[in-house]
Amino acid sequence: MYELVIKGGRVALDDDWADCDIGIENGRIAELNTSLVGRRVIDASQRWVMPGGIDSHCHLDQPAWGSALSADDFLSGSVSAAFGGTTCIIPFAMPGPGMSTLEAYDRAIARAAGRSVIDYGLHGVITMTSASKLEEQFAHLVREGVTSVKVFMIFEELRVDDDLFLGVLETARKLGLVVMVHAENDAAIRRTSQRLIDLGRTDMRYHTVAHSEVMEREATHRAVALAEIAGARLIVLHVSCLQSAEEITRGQQRGVDVGGETCPQYLFLSAADLDQEAAKAARFIFSPPARTPTSQEYLWRALASGEIDLWSSDHSPYRLSDKLPDPGNPAFHKAVSGIPGLETRLPLLFSEGLLTKRLSLVRYLDLTSREAASLYGLSHTKGRIRVGLDADLALWDPTAKWVLHHDILHSNVDYTPFEGRLVTGKPTTVLLRGAPIIVDEKLTALPGTGNFVQRRAADPIHFKRPIEEMTPWFDK
């Protein structure tokens, strides 16, 4: 007899559906079979039992850098994620001014303690000012269970130059870390932004011109090339367009260890959303920006084929009043970039990917949890419904039709960019390590229910060789 049994549901296993019970003991999946007996039983009739989602790219409770404060901390953000069927998040330990990468990590750990209702990890972040003693800092992160670091190629306070980028890639490779990159050409964006300002073209729609696809394509190409030189493992974040996705594919064809991530905003929003009055258009300011229907269709195909590995929210929680800090004189270059999405990430993909059969079950499971678990060192404990792993589960009503409105969502952000969109399918009960945290669409978890999860670094032996170890004179 098990502590808990989930009975009667349609269960999403690794490669197909199964009509089976799930026996849970000590927070882990103990058996997948029929006619299991439990001291407690959850009836999953008419429900699809899915692995709890892993959102590997979100921002919570970050230093403000003199700009807008995060609307969501680890409590409100994790609650929002849980209502969307996500049971593990990996936010960024973003440095504030003058902080080292490790000081930023310590800050994030302290801010998260006793607050999250779901499990969480952290990514390290490297900037020009936080990057002293890289190997020492990275080794400390690995000991703490942090197996990924992010660099920016854009934003004055955050961007790294190519020298530091190569140093990050080389050091990460030695220690088995994956490097994440925000790939946009900062110089080109600054140059084009100033030209637009000089011409008086400051409406919100010009954000898309200032951050044109060529800027993303060039930076993606350069990032992939630097990873190839260093033999490092790289993830290109929030791929917005066909052009940058093609650069990732070209790198993979050359044997580079590179993967891509995209987000709901690039599949469901477009550049046309910015072509309206500033107060409304501000809801759609994020970087890189939304693109064209052509890129949307390409990204759907890339998700289905496996060219894109990850589906993340890039949840960046700013209130509308903060998005336009100078409402009397709005301009694209003054608007704060970032939109919410923790809670809507999975319902959008479930409705428009899985139910429409744009995505197979296998690809849906890859995108919502499995690939993140594998790439970021969680597969020993999370990411799928399998005996021995954490019983992180979401029971979905596949027939529920509901309309996305910010006032029924649980983030502290006062809008959703997906306002008014009809979706089908909704998580109604969510379990974290076998404990129900959402029951019949009501929160039952207390702050601090979630734990910090230590992730495992990869074995560097599986990484590619750096360029200095090549011997082209032996090539045929």
Protein backbone atom coordinates (compact mmCIF):
# COMPACT_ATOMS: atom_id res chain seq x y z
CA MET A 1 0.00 0.00 0.00
CA TYR A 2 1.38 3.37 -1.03
CA GLU A 3 1.13 6.71 0.73
CA LEU A 4 -0.72 8.10 -2.28
CA VAL A 5 -2.10 6.69 -5.51
CA ILE A 6 -3.22 8.66 -8.54
CA LYS A 7 -5.95 6.55 -10.13
CA GLY A 8 -7.91 6.53 -13.35
CA GLY A 9 -5.95 9.08 -15.36
CA ARG A 10 -4.46 9.03 -18.83
CA VAL A 11 -0.76 9.15 -18.00
CA ALA A 12 1.89 10.71 -20.25
CA LEU A 13 4.87 8.38 -20.14
CA ASP A 14 8.11 8.76 -22.07
CA ASP A 15 6.86 7.88 -25.53
CA ASP A 16 3.11 7.25 -25.29
CA TRP A 17 -0.01 7.45 -23.20
CA ALA A 18 -0.81 4.78 -20.62
CA ASP A 19 -3.94 4.03 -18.61
CA CYS A 20 -2.30 3.26 -15.29
CA ASP A 21 -2.16 4.24 -11.64
CA ILE A 22 0.80 6.04 -10.09
CA GLY A 23 1.97 4.84 -6.69
CA ILE A 24 3.82 7.50 -4.67
CA GLU A 25 6.02 6.91 -1.64
CA ASN A 26 8.31 9.41 0.14
CA GLY A 27 7.67 12.01 -2.51
CA ARG A 28 8.80 9.84 -5.39
CA ILE A 29 7.12 7.71 -8.01
CA ALA A 30 7.27 4.15 -6.69
CA GLU A 31 5.20 2.18 -9.22
CA LEU A 32 3.30 2.58 -12.48
CA ASN A 33 0.70 -0.16 -12.74
CA THR A 34 -3.00 -0.93 -12.51
CA SER A 35 -5.07 -1.64 -9.40
CA LEU A 36 -2.64 0.02 -7.02
CA VAL A 37 -3.76 0.63 -3.44
CA GLY A 38 -3.00 3.75 -1.44
CA ARG A 39 -3.75 5.16 1.97
CA ARG A 40 -4.84 8.27 0.08
CA VAL A 41 -6.22 8.30 -3.45
CA ILE A 42 -6.62 11.11 -5.96
CA ASP A 43 -9.18 10.39 -8.64
CA ALA A 44 -7.74 11.44 -12.00
CA SER A 45 -10.72 10.28 -14.08
CA GLN A 46 -11.18 12.46 -17.17
CA ARG A 47 -7.76 13.98 -16.56
CA TRP A 48 -4.45 13.78 -18.39
CA VAL A 49 -1.60 13.25 -15.95
CA MET A 50 1.46 15.15 -17.17
CA PRO A 51 4.93 15.68 -15.68
CA GLY A 52 5.18 18.93 -13.80
CA GLY A 53 6.66 21.57 -16.06
CA ILE A 54 10.19 22.95 -15.73
CA ASP A 55 10.58 26.60 -16.68
CA SER A 56 14.30 27.10 -17.11
CA HIS A 57 14.22 30.82 -17.93
CA CYS A 58 12.45 33.31 -15.70
CA HIS A 59 13.28 36.41 -13.67
CA LEU A 60 12.14 36.95 -10.07
CA ASP A 61 13.03 39.49 -7.38
CA GLN A 62 16.01 40.95 -9.22
CA PRO A 63 18.07 44.04 -8.38
CA ALA A 64 16.53 47.05 -10.08
CA TRP A 65 19.67 48.66 -11.60
CA GLY A 66 17.99 52.04 -11.07
CA SER A 67 14.99 51.01 -13.18
CA ALA A 68 11.78 49.14 -12.50
CA LEU A 69 11.43 46.73 -9.58
CA SER A 70 10.30 43.16 -10.19
CA ALA A 71 6.60 42.80 -9.48
CA ASP A 72 7.02 39.11 -8.62
CA ASP A 73 9.16 37.66 -5.87
CA PHE A 74 9.72 33.95 -5.28
CA LEU A 75 6.32 33.59 -3.60
CA SER A 76 4.04 35.23 -6.14
CA GLY A 77 6.11 33.99 -9.07
CA SER A 78 6.10 30.39 -7.87
CA VAL A 79 2.36 30.48 -7.15
CA SER A 80 1.75 31.75 -10.67
CA ALA A 81 3.96 29.01 -12.10
CA ALA A 82 2.17 26.32 -10.09
CA PHE A 83 -1.26 27.37 -11.37
CA GLY A 84 0.17 26.98 -14.87
CA GLY A 85 1.27 23.38 -14.25
CA THR A 86 4.95 24.15 -13.55
CA THR A 87 6.60 22.51 -10.55
CA CYS A 88 10.21 23.66 -10.93
CA ILE A 89 11.70 26.99 -12.04
CA ILE A 90 15.26 28.14 -12.63
CA PRO A 91 15.46 31.92 -12.27
CA PHE A 92 18.63 34.00 -12.60
CA ALA A 93 20.83 35.13 -9.73
CA MET A 94 21.25 38.55 -11.32
CA PRO A 95 24.07 40.72 -9.95
CA GLY A 96 23.26 44.21 -8.79
CA PRO A 97 25.73 47.07 -9.23
CA GLY A 98 29.12 46.12 -7.82
CA MET A 99 28.16 42.53 -7.03
CA SER A 100 30.23 39.51 -7.94
CA THR A 101 28.50 36.50 -9.45
CA LEU A 102 28.73 34.68 -6.11
CA GLU A 103 27.36 37.65 -4.17
CA ALA A 104 24.41 37.71 -6.57
CA TYR A 105 23.91 33.98 -5.96
CA ASP A 106 23.93 34.50 -2.19
CA ARG A 107 21.42 37.32 -2.57
CA ALA A 108 19.05 35.17 -4.64
CA ILE A 109 19.31 32.24 -2.22
CA ALA A 110 18.41 34.54 0.67
CA ARG A 111 15.49 36.11 -1.21
CA ALA A 112 14.07 32.71 -2.16
CA ALA A 113 14.41 31.06 1.25
CA GLY A 114 11.07 30.14 2.80
CA ARG A 115 9.01 31.67 -0.02
CA SER A 116 8.66 29.44 -3.07
CA VAL A 117 5.77 26.97 -3.24
CA ILE A 118 7.56 24.93 -5.93
CA ASP A 119 11.11 23.66 -6.29
CA TYR A 120 13.71 25.93 -7.81
CA GLY A 121 17.30 26.20 -8.97
CA LEU A 122 19.35 29.21 -9.99
CA HIS A 123 21.50 30.24 -12.94
CA GLY A 124 24.66 32.24 -12.39
CA VAL A 125 25.11 35.47 -14.35
CA ILE A 126 28.41 36.87 -15.60
CA THR A 127 28.97 40.56 -16.36
CA MET A 128 32.13 42.56 -16.98
CA THR A 129 32.14 43.67 -13.33
CA SER A 130 31.08 40.36 -11.69
CA ALA A 131 33.59 38.12 -13.45
CA SER A 132 36.76 38.20 -11.37
CA LYS A 133 38.35 34.80 -10.62
CA LEU A 134 36.08 32.93 -13.02
CA GLU A 135 37.35 29.45 -12.23
CA GLU A 136 37.04 30.00 -8.48
CA GLN A 137 33.50 31.36 -8.81
CA PHE A 138 32.39 28.62 -11.22
CA ALA A 139 33.82 25.87 -9.00
CA HIS A 140 31.88 27.29 -6.06
CA LEU A 141 28.68 27.36 -8.12
CA VAL A 142 29.14 23.72 -9.11
CA ARG A 143 29.60 22.76 -5.45
CA GLU A 144 26.33 24.56 -4.70
CA GLY A 145 24.50 22.65 -7.45
CA VAL A 146 24.43 25.47 -10.01
CA THR A 147 25.37 24.08 -13.42
CA SER A 148 24.65 26.97 -15.80
CA VAL A 149 25.76 30.54 -16.30
CA LYS A 150 24.37 33.30 -18.49
CA VAL A 151 26.04 36.07 -20.45
CA PHE A 152 24.51 39.02 -22.26
CA MET A 153 25.76 40.43 -25.55
CA ILE A 154 23.49 43.47 -25.04
CA PHE A 155 22.60 46.08 -22.37
CA GLU A 156 25.22 48.50 -21.07
CA GLU A 157 25.38 47.23 -17.48
CA LEU A 158 25.32 43.55 -18.38
CA ARG A 159 27.01 42.90 -21.73
CA VAL A 160 30.32 41.06 -21.97
CA ASP A 161 32.97 41.53 -24.61
CA ASP A 162 34.27 38.68 -26.75
CA ASP A 163 37.36 38.21 -24.57
CA LEU A 164 35.28 37.59 -21.46
CA PHE A 165 32.73 35.53 -23.41
CA LEU A 166 35.53 33.20 -24.53
CA GLY A 167 36.84 33.05 -20.97
CA VAL A 168 33.39 32.09 -19.69
CA LEU A 169 33.02 29.40 -22.36
CA GLU A 170 36.46 27.93 -21.66
CA THR A 171 36.02 27.89 -17.89
CA ALA A 172 32.51 26.47 -18.12
CA ARG A 173 33.76 23.68 -20.37
CA LYS A 174 36.41 22.64 -17.83
CA LEU A 175 33.79 22.29 -15.09
CA GLY A 176 30.90 20.82 -17.10
CA LEU A 177 28.65 23.90 -17.06
CA VAL A 178 26.34 25.01 -19.85
CA VAL A 179 26.56 28.64 -20.99
CA MET A 180 23.38 30.55 -21.84
CA VAL A 181 23.45 33.66 -24.00
CA HIS A 182 21.21 36.61 -24.82
CA ALA A 183 22.37 37.09 -28.40
CA GLU A 184 21.83 40.55 -29.90
CA ASN A 185 24.46 42.88 -31.36
CA ASP A 186 24.66 45.73 -28.86
CA ALA A 187 26.64 48.14 -31.06
CA ALA A 188 24.22 47.75 -33.97
CA ILE A 189 21.21 48.28 -31.70
CA ARG A 190 22.71 51.41 -30.12
CA ARG A 191 23.62 52.77 -33.55
CA THR A 192 20.20 52.10 -35.07
CA SER A 193 18.33 53.36 -32.00
CA GLN A 194 20.17 56.67 -32.16
CA ARG A 195 19.47 57.04 -35.89
CA LEU A 196 15.77 56.47 -35.24
CA ILE A 197 15.74 58.96 -32.38
CA ASP A 198 17.47 61.54 -34.54
CA LEU A 199 14.81 61.03 -37.21
CA GLY A 200 12.02 61.43 -34.66
CA ARG A 201 10.92 57.82 -35.06
CA THR A 202 10.35 56.91 -31.44
CA ASP A 203 6.94 55.20 -31.49
CA MET A 204 6.85 51.76 -29.85
CA ARG A 205 6.80 50.02 -33.22
CA TYR A 206 10.38 51.17 -33.85
CA HIS A 207 11.56 48.85 -31.07
CA THR A 208 11.33 46.13 -33.71
CA VAL A 209 13.50 48.14 -36.12
CA ALA A 210 16.09 48.96 -33.45
CA HIS A 211 16.31 45.25 -32.59
CA SER A 212 16.05 43.96 -36.16
CA GLU A 213 16.51 40.31 -37.01
CA VAL A 214 19.97 40.95 -38.47
CA MET A 215 21.20 42.09 -35.02
CA GLU A 216 20.02 38.82 -33.51
CA ARG A 217 21.33 36.76 -36.41
CA GLU A 218 24.82 38.28 -36.24
CA ALA A 219 25.13 37.84 -32.48
CA THR A 220 23.84 34.27 -32.68
CA HIS A 221 26.37 33.46 -35.39
CA ARG A 222 29.17 34.96 -33.29
CA ALA A 223 28.08 33.20 -30.10
CA VAL A 224 27.92 29.84 -31.89
CA ALA A 225 31.37 30.44 -33.41
CA LEU A 226 32.88 31.29 -30.01
CA ALA A 227 31.36 28.13 -28.51
CA GLU A 228 32.87 26.15 -31.40
CA ILE A 229 36.29 27.71 -30.73
CA ALA A 230 36.08 26.89 -27.00
CA GLY A 231 34.45 23.46 -27.36
CA ALA A 232 31.74 24.60 -24.94
CA ARG A 233 28.07 23.75 -24.55
CA LEU A 234 25.85 26.72 -25.44
CA ILE A 235 22.14 27.52 -25.27
CA VAL A 236 20.92 30.49 -27.30
CA LEU A 237 18.02 31.97 -25.37
CA HIS A 238 14.68 33.36 -26.61
CA VAL A 239 15.23 32.66 -30.31
CA SER A 240 12.74 34.96 -31.98
CA CYS A 241 13.18 34.46 -35.71
CA LEU A 242 14.02 32.24 -38.61
CA GLN A 243 17.39 33.92 -39.17
CA SER A 244 18.85 33.17 -35.74
CA ALA A 245 17.30 29.69 -35.64
CA GLU A 246 19.06 28.91 -38.92
CA GLU A 247 22.40 29.95 -37.39
CA ILE A 248 21.87 27.43 -34.58
CA THR A 249 21.05 24.70 -37.09
CA ARG A 250 24.16 25.52 -39.12
CA GLY A 251 26.25 25.27 -35.98
CA GLN A 252 24.74 21.90 -35.11
CA GLN A 253 25.48 20.66 -38.62
CA ARG A 254 29.13 21.61 -38.08
CA GLY A 255 29.13 19.62 -34.84
CA VAL A 256 28.87 22.52 -32.40
CA ASP A 257 27.27 21.65 -29.05
CA VAL A 258 24.58 24.32 -29.29
CA GLY A 259 20.85 24.33 -28.62
CA GLY A 260 18.08 26.89 -28.86
CA GLU A 261 15.21 28.09 -26.72
CA THR A 262 12.09 29.96 -27.74
CA CYS A 263 9.17 31.41 -25.83
CA PRO A 264 5.39 31.86 -26.22
CA GLN A 265 5.71 35.50 -27.23
CA TYR A 266 7.51 34.50 -30.42
CA LEU A 267 4.78 32.05 -31.43
CA PHE A 268 1.69 34.02 -30.40
CA LEU A 269 2.64 37.69 -30.77
CA SER A 270 4.01 39.63 -33.73
CA ALA A 271 5.65 42.94 -34.58
CA ALA A 272 2.21 44.26 -35.53
CA ASP A 273 1.23 44.30 -31.84
CA LEU A 274 3.56 47.28 -31.37
CA ASP A 275 1.82 49.34 -34.04
CA GLN A 276 -0.66 51.06 -31.71
CA GLU A 277 -0.76 53.77 -29.07
CA ALA A 278 2.06 53.62 -26.55
CA ALA A 279 -0.01 52.66 -23.49
CA LYS A 280 -1.22 49.52 -25.26
CA ALA A 281 1.94 48.78 -27.22
CA ALA A 282 4.04 48.78 -24.02
CA ARG A 283 2.47 45.42 -23.16
CA PHE A 284 4.42 43.94 -26.05
CA ILE A 285 7.89 45.43 -25.44
CA PHE A 286 10.46 42.69 -24.87
CA SER A 287 13.87 41.86 -26.30
CA PRO A 288 14.39 40.40 -28.80
CA PRO A 289 11.01 41.63 -30.04
CA ALA A 290 8.24 39.64 -31.67
CA ARG A 291 8.72 39.11 -35.40
CA THR A 292 6.73 38.17 -38.49
CA PRO A 293 4.22 35.40 -39.22
CA THR A 294 6.93 33.77 -41.36
CA SER A 295 9.19 33.43 -38.32
CA GLN A 296 6.28 32.20 -36.20
CA GLU A 297 5.58 29.36 -38.62
CA TYR A 298 9.26 28.48 -38.84
CA LEU A 299 9.55 28.31 -35.05
CA TRP A 300 6.50 26.02 -34.83
CA ARG A 301 8.21 23.69 -37.29
CA ALA A 302 11.47 23.92 -35.35
CA LEU A 303 9.67 23.00 -32.12
CA ALA A 304 8.06 20.01 -33.81
CA SER A 305 11.28 18.79 -35.45
CA GLY A 306 13.56 19.23 -32.46
CA GLU A 307 15.65 22.05 -33.96
CA ILE A 308 14.55 24.13 -30.96
CA ASP A 309 15.18 22.35 -27.65
CA LEU A 310 13.52 24.46 -24.98
CA TRP A 311 10.20 26.23 -24.33
CA SER A 312 10.55 28.83 -21.60
CA SER A 313 8.61 31.87 -20.44
CA ASP A 314 11.36 34.49 -20.01
CA HIS A 315 8.96 35.81 -17.35
CA SER A 316 10.09 39.39 -16.70
CA PRO A 317 7.54 40.86 -14.29
CA TYR A 318 7.09 44.61 -14.55
CA ARG A 319 3.88 46.51 -13.90
CA LEU A 320 2.43 48.60 -16.71
CA SER A 321 3.16 51.82 -14.85
CA ASP A 322 6.84 50.82 -14.81
CA LYS A 323 6.91 49.80 -18.46
CA LEU A 324 6.51 53.45 -19.52
CA PRO A 325 8.54 55.48 -17.01
CA ASP A 326 7.83 58.71 -18.92
CA PRO A 327 4.17 58.32 -19.97
CA GLY A 328 3.91 61.93 -21.05
CA ASN A 329 6.69 61.43 -23.58
CA PRO A 330 6.69 57.71 -24.45
CA ALA A 331 9.42 56.35 -26.69
CA PHE A 332 10.60 52.86 -27.60
CA HIS A 333 14.10 53.43 -26.15
CA LYS A 334 12.69 54.51 -22.76
CA ALA A 335 10.24 51.61 -22.35
CA VAL A 336 11.19 48.83 -19.94
CA SER A 337 11.62 45.52 -21.73
CA GLY A 338 10.00 42.32 -20.48
CA ILE A 339 6.61 40.61 -20.14
CA PRO A 340 5.05 38.05 -17.77
CA GLY A 341 4.45 34.44 -18.80
CA LEU A 342 5.10 31.87 -16.06
CA GLU A 343 1.46 30.87 -15.74
CA THR A 344 0.51 30.94 -19.42
CA ARG A 345 3.55 29.09 -20.85
CA LEU A 346 2.16 25.56 -20.61
CA PRO A 347 -1.56 26.24 -21.26
CA LEU A 348 -0.65 27.95 -24.54
CA LEU A 349 1.50 25.06 -25.71
CA PHE A 350 -0.98 22.45 -24.49
CA SER A 351 -3.85 24.15 -26.33
CA GLU A 352 -2.13 25.19 -29.55
CA GLY A 353 0.61 22.60 -29.76
CA LEU A 354 -0.50 19.28 -28.26
CA LEU A 355 -4.26 19.42 -28.78
CA THR A 356 -3.94 20.72 -32.35
CA LYS A 357 -1.37 17.97 -33.09
CA ARG A 358 1.19 20.53 -34.21
CA LEU A 359 3.34 18.75 -31.65
CA SER A 360 3.50 15.05 -30.91
CA LEU A 361 3.22 13.95 -27.30
CA VAL A 362 6.94 13.17 -27.32
CA ARG A 363 7.87 16.66 -28.48
CA TYR A 364 5.44 18.28 -26.04
CA LEU A 365 7.03 16.41 -23.14
CA ASP A 366 10.52 17.28 -24.39
CA LEU A 367 9.68 20.96 -24.53
CA THR A 368 7.79 21.27 -21.27
CA SER A 369 10.15 19.38 -18.96
CA ARG A 370 12.48 16.70 -20.34
CA GLU A 371 14.95 18.80 -22.32
CA ALA A 372 15.30 21.35 -19.51
CA ALA A 373 15.95 18.52 -17.03
CA SER A 374 18.57 17.00 -19.31
CA LEU A 375 20.39 20.17 -20.36
CA TYR A 376 20.44 21.79 -16.93
CA GLY A 377 21.29 18.78 -14.75
CA LEU A 378 17.91 17.82 -13.29
CA SER A 379 17.22 14.53 -15.03
CA HIS A 380 18.29 12.51 -11.98
CA THR A 381 15.28 13.79 -10.07
CA LYS A 382 12.79 15.57 -12.35
CA GLY A 383 11.42 15.94 -15.85
CA ARG A 384 9.31 12.85 -16.55
CA ILE A 385 6.92 10.33 -15.06
CA ARG A 386 9.26 7.49 -14.22
CA VAL A 387 9.81 5.24 -11.20
CA GLY A 388 12.39 6.74 -8.85
CA LEU A 389 11.89 10.37 -9.86
CA ASP A 390 10.11 13.09 -7.91
CA ALA A 391 6.32 12.82 -8.08
CA ASP A 392 5.93 16.24 -9.71
CA LEU A 393 2.65 15.90 -11.54
CA ALA A 394 -0.05 18.04 -13.10
CA LEU A 395 -3.58 16.75 -13.71
CA TRP A 396 -4.99 18.51 -16.77
CA ASP A 397 -8.61 18.84 -17.80
CA PRO A 398 -8.12 18.57 -21.59
CA THR A 399 -11.64 19.84 -22.33
CA ALA A 400 -11.61 22.99 -20.19
CA LYS A 401 -12.06 26.11 -22.30
CA TRP A 402 -11.05 29.38 -20.69
CA VAL A 403 -10.01 32.87 -21.65
CA LEU A 404 -6.72 34.36 -20.51
CA HIS A 405 -7.37 37.50 -18.45
CA HIS A 406 -4.83 39.06 -16.12
CA ASP A 407 -7.36 39.26 -13.28
CA ILE A 408 -7.71 35.47 -13.08
CA LEU A 409 -3.95 34.87 -13.20
CA HIS A 410 -1.75 34.85 -10.10
CA SER A 411 1.30 36.96 -10.94
CA ASN A 412 1.58 40.41 -9.36
CA VAL A 413 1.94 41.86 -12.86
CA ASP A 414 -1.19 43.81 -13.78
CA TYR A 415 -1.54 42.60 -17.37
CA THR A 416 -0.94 39.65 -19.65
CA PRO A 417 0.16 40.11 -23.27
CA PHE A 418 -2.15 37.22 -24.13
CA GLU A 419 -5.27 38.99 -22.85
CA GLY A 420 -8.49 37.61 -24.36
CA ARG A 421 -6.97 34.51 -25.93
CA LEU A 422 -9.15 31.40 -25.71
CA VAL A 423 -7.28 28.25 -24.71
CA THR A 424 -8.33 24.67 -24.22
CA GLY A 425 -6.88 22.58 -21.42
CA LYS A 426 -6.09 23.57 -17.86
CA PRO A 427 -4.14 22.07 -14.94
CA THR A 428 -6.61 21.58 -12.10
CA THR A 429 -4.53 19.65 -9.54
CA VAL A 430 -0.74 19.90 -9.18
CA LEU A 431 1.57 17.84 -7.00
CA LEU A 432 5.11 18.63 -5.86
CA ARG A 433 7.08 15.63 -4.66
CA GLY A 434 3.79 13.83 -4.07
CA ALA A 435 2.18 16.63 -2.05
CA PRO A 436 -0.81 18.42 -3.60
CA ILE A 437 -0.04 22.13 -3.94
CA ILE A 438 -3.02 22.99 -6.16
CA VAL A 439 -6.27 21.06 -5.60
CA ASP A 440 -9.28 21.70 -7.82
CA GLU A 441 -7.73 25.01 -8.90
CA LYS A 442 -7.15 26.18 -5.32
CA LEU A 443 -3.75 26.78 -3.73
CA THR A 444 -3.04 24.46 -0.80
CA ALA A 445 0.72 24.93 -0.43
CA LEU A 446 2.35 27.22 2.11
CA PRO A 447 5.29 29.52 1.38
CA GLY A 448 8.51 27.54 1.66
CA THR A 449 7.02 24.27 0.40
CA GLY A 450 9.47 24.40 -2.49
CA ASN A 451 13.11 23.42 -2.05
CA PHE A 452 16.31 24.56 -3.70
CA VAL A 453 17.32 21.74 -6.05
CA GLN A 454 20.99 20.99 -6.54
CA ARG A 455 21.71 20.19 -10.17
CA ARG A 456 24.48 18.02 -11.58
CA ALA A 457 27.18 19.33 -13.86
CA ALA A 458 27.96 17.38 -17.01
CA ASP A 459 31.12 15.35 -17.39
CA PRO A 460 33.47 17.50 -19.52
CA ILE A 461 34.61 14.36 -21.30
CA HIS A 462 31.38 14.56 -23.31
CA PHE A 463 32.04 18.12 -24.48
CA LYS A 464 33.55 19.03 -27.83
CA ARG A 465 37.26 19.70 -28.28
CA PRO A 466 38.47 23.30 -28.28
CA ILE A 467 40.03 24.63 -31.45
CA GLU A 468 43.60 24.34 -30.13
CA GLU A 469 43.24 20.57 -29.93
CA MET A 470 42.35 20.20 -33.61
CA THR A 471 44.74 18.48 -36.02
CA PRO A 472 43.51 19.41 -39.50
CA TRP A 473 46.61 17.94 -41.16
CA PHE A 474 45.21 14.50 -40.33
CA ASP A 475 41.77 15.26 -41.80
CA LYS A 476 40.83 13.53 -45.03
